[in-house]
């Protein structure tokens, strides 16, 4: 019998990856860097800031690029973030203890949790 179920957050509990793949390339294109949503999803989602592709990309952008993109991303999350289809029903049926493991910030995960429960 399972005693604990650990969920990832982005793409498992909430549908944030689609929003990120729209926002970050759009903001960065205004700064002169063109990138498709597919390229962003393949190379940036789930990676950390020390990934070579992230470091190489950030070196091409102004120093405040991430701060500006994060602000726009947070704004879009407040407007558009939705739970993954069927996750609310699944969570209500589970009788196990649950937790979330995520590469995202604690504040973001707490906000996402509010959307799913």
Protein backbone atom coordinates (compact mmCIF):
# COMPACT_ATOMS: atom_id res chain seq x y z
CA UNK A 1 0.00 0.00 0.00
CA UNK A 2 1.28 3.45 -0.94
CA UNK A 3 1.72 5.85 1.96
CA UNK A 4 2.72 9.01 0.12
CA UNK A 5 2.22 10.35 -3.39
CA UNK A 6 4.57 13.07 -4.66
CA UNK A 7 3.38 15.27 -7.52
CA UNK A 8 5.33 17.59 -9.75
CA UNK A 9 3.64 20.97 -10.07
CA UNK A 10 4.04 22.43 -13.57
CA UNK A 11 2.36 20.36 -16.23
CA UNK A 12 1.05 17.87 -13.66
CA UNK A 13 -1.11 19.91 -11.30
CA UNK A 14 -1.37 23.17 -13.24
CA UNK A 15 -1.03 24.00 -16.92
CA UNK A 16 1.70 26.63 -16.58
CA UNK A 17 4.14 25.39 -19.20
CA UNK A 18 1.97 26.54 -22.10
CA UNK A 19 1.74 30.02 -20.57
CA UNK A 20 5.51 30.14 -20.00
CA UNK A 21 6.19 29.06 -23.59
CA UNK A 22 4.13 32.01 -24.82
CA UNK A 23 5.29 34.69 -22.37
CA UNK A 24 9.05 34.26 -22.20
CA UNK A 25 9.70 34.11 -25.98
CA UNK A 26 7.35 37.09 -26.52
CA UNK A 27 9.09 39.24 -23.90
CA UNK A 28 12.55 38.24 -25.09
CA UNK A 29 11.63 38.95 -28.73
CA UNK A 30 10.94 42.56 -27.68
CA UNK A 31 14.57 42.57 -26.52
CA UNK A 32 15.86 41.29 -29.86
CA UNK A 33 15.99 37.53 -29.22
CA UNK A 34 13.72 35.38 -31.40
CA UNK A 35 12.70 32.00 -30.02
CA UNK A 36 9.76 29.72 -30.79
CA UNK A 37 7.44 28.35 -28.13
CA UNK A 38 8.52 24.82 -29.07
CA UNK A 39 12.20 25.70 -28.65
CA UNK A 40 11.44 27.20 -25.24
CA UNK A 41 9.47 24.12 -24.12
CA UNK A 42 12.18 21.74 -25.31
CA UNK A 43 15.16 23.63 -23.92
CA UNK A 44 14.00 25.72 -20.96
CA UNK A 45 11.09 24.00 -19.22
CA UNK A 46 12.39 21.87 -16.38
CA UNK A 47 15.96 23.15 -16.61
CA UNK A 48 17.73 25.21 -14.02
CA UNK A 49 19.56 28.48 -14.37
CA UNK A 50 22.88 26.65 -14.61
CA UNK A 51 21.88 24.78 -17.80
CA UNK A 52 24.18 25.77 -20.67
CA UNK A 53 21.30 26.78 -22.97
CA UNK A 54 19.88 29.05 -20.26
CA UNK A 55 23.25 30.68 -19.55
CA UNK A 56 23.94 31.19 -23.27
CA UNK A 57 20.51 32.71 -23.86
CA UNK A 58 20.62 35.00 -20.83
CA UNK A 59 24.02 36.31 -21.94
CA UNK A 60 22.33 37.64 -25.11
CA UNK A 61 19.71 39.58 -23.16
CA UNK A 62 19.81 42.69 -20.98
CA UNK A 63 20.59 42.07 -17.29
CA UNK A 64 16.97 42.72 -16.26
CA UNK A 65 15.45 40.43 -18.92
CA UNK A 66 14.51 37.67 -16.50
CA UNK A 67 12.97 40.10 -14.02
CA UNK A 68 10.83 41.67 -16.75
CA UNK A 69 9.78 38.27 -18.14
CA UNK A 70 9.00 36.94 -14.64
CA UNK A 71 6.73 39.92 -13.92
CA UNK A 72 4.82 39.33 -17.17
CA UNK A 73 4.67 35.58 -16.45
CA UNK A 74 3.27 36.20 -12.95
CA UNK A 75 0.67 38.56 -14.42
CA UNK A 76 -0.41 35.96 -16.99
CA UNK A 77 -0.49 33.20 -14.37
CA UNK A 78 -2.87 35.26 -12.23
CA UNK A 79 -5.16 35.66 -15.25
CA UNK A 80 -4.89 32.28 -16.97
CA UNK A 81 -3.49 29.53 -14.75
CA UNK A 82 -5.79 26.52 -14.64
CA UNK A 83 -5.52 23.07 -13.10
CA UNK A 84 -4.67 20.24 -15.46
CA UNK A 85 -7.89 18.61 -16.65
CA UNK A 86 -9.03 15.92 -14.21
CA UNK A 87 -6.50 16.68 -11.47
CA UNK A 88 -9.06 18.05 -9.00
CA UNK A 89 -11.10 14.89 -9.28
CA UNK A 90 -8.02 12.71 -8.89
CA UNK A 91 -6.84 14.58 -5.81
CA UNK A 92 -10.24 14.31 -4.13
CA UNK A 93 -10.31 10.55 -4.74
CA UNK A 94 -6.86 9.90 -3.32
CA UNK A 95 -6.81 8.96 0.31
CA UNK A 96 -3.03 9.00 0.58
CA UNK A 97 -0.86 11.73 1.96
CA UNK A 98 0.34 13.96 -0.86
CA UNK A 99 3.06 16.52 -1.43
CA UNK A 100 4.48 18.56 -4.29
CA UNK A 101 8.09 18.54 -5.45
CA UNK A 102 8.94 21.37 -7.80
CA UNK A 103 11.78 23.37 -9.27
CA UNK A 104 9.54 26.45 -8.93
CA UNK A 105 9.62 28.94 -6.07
CA UNK A 106 7.65 28.14 -2.89
CA UNK A 107 5.35 31.14 -3.45
CA UNK A 108 4.51 29.96 -6.95
CA UNK A 109 3.81 26.39 -5.80
CA UNK A 110 1.52 27.65 -3.02
CA UNK A 111 -0.41 29.75 -5.57
CA UNK A 112 -0.67 26.79 -7.91
CA UNK A 113 -1.90 24.61 -5.05
CA UNK A 114 -4.75 27.05 -4.44
CA UNK A 115 -5.79 26.62 -8.08
CA UNK A 116 -5.96 22.84 -7.84
CA UNK A 117 -7.65 22.32 -4.48
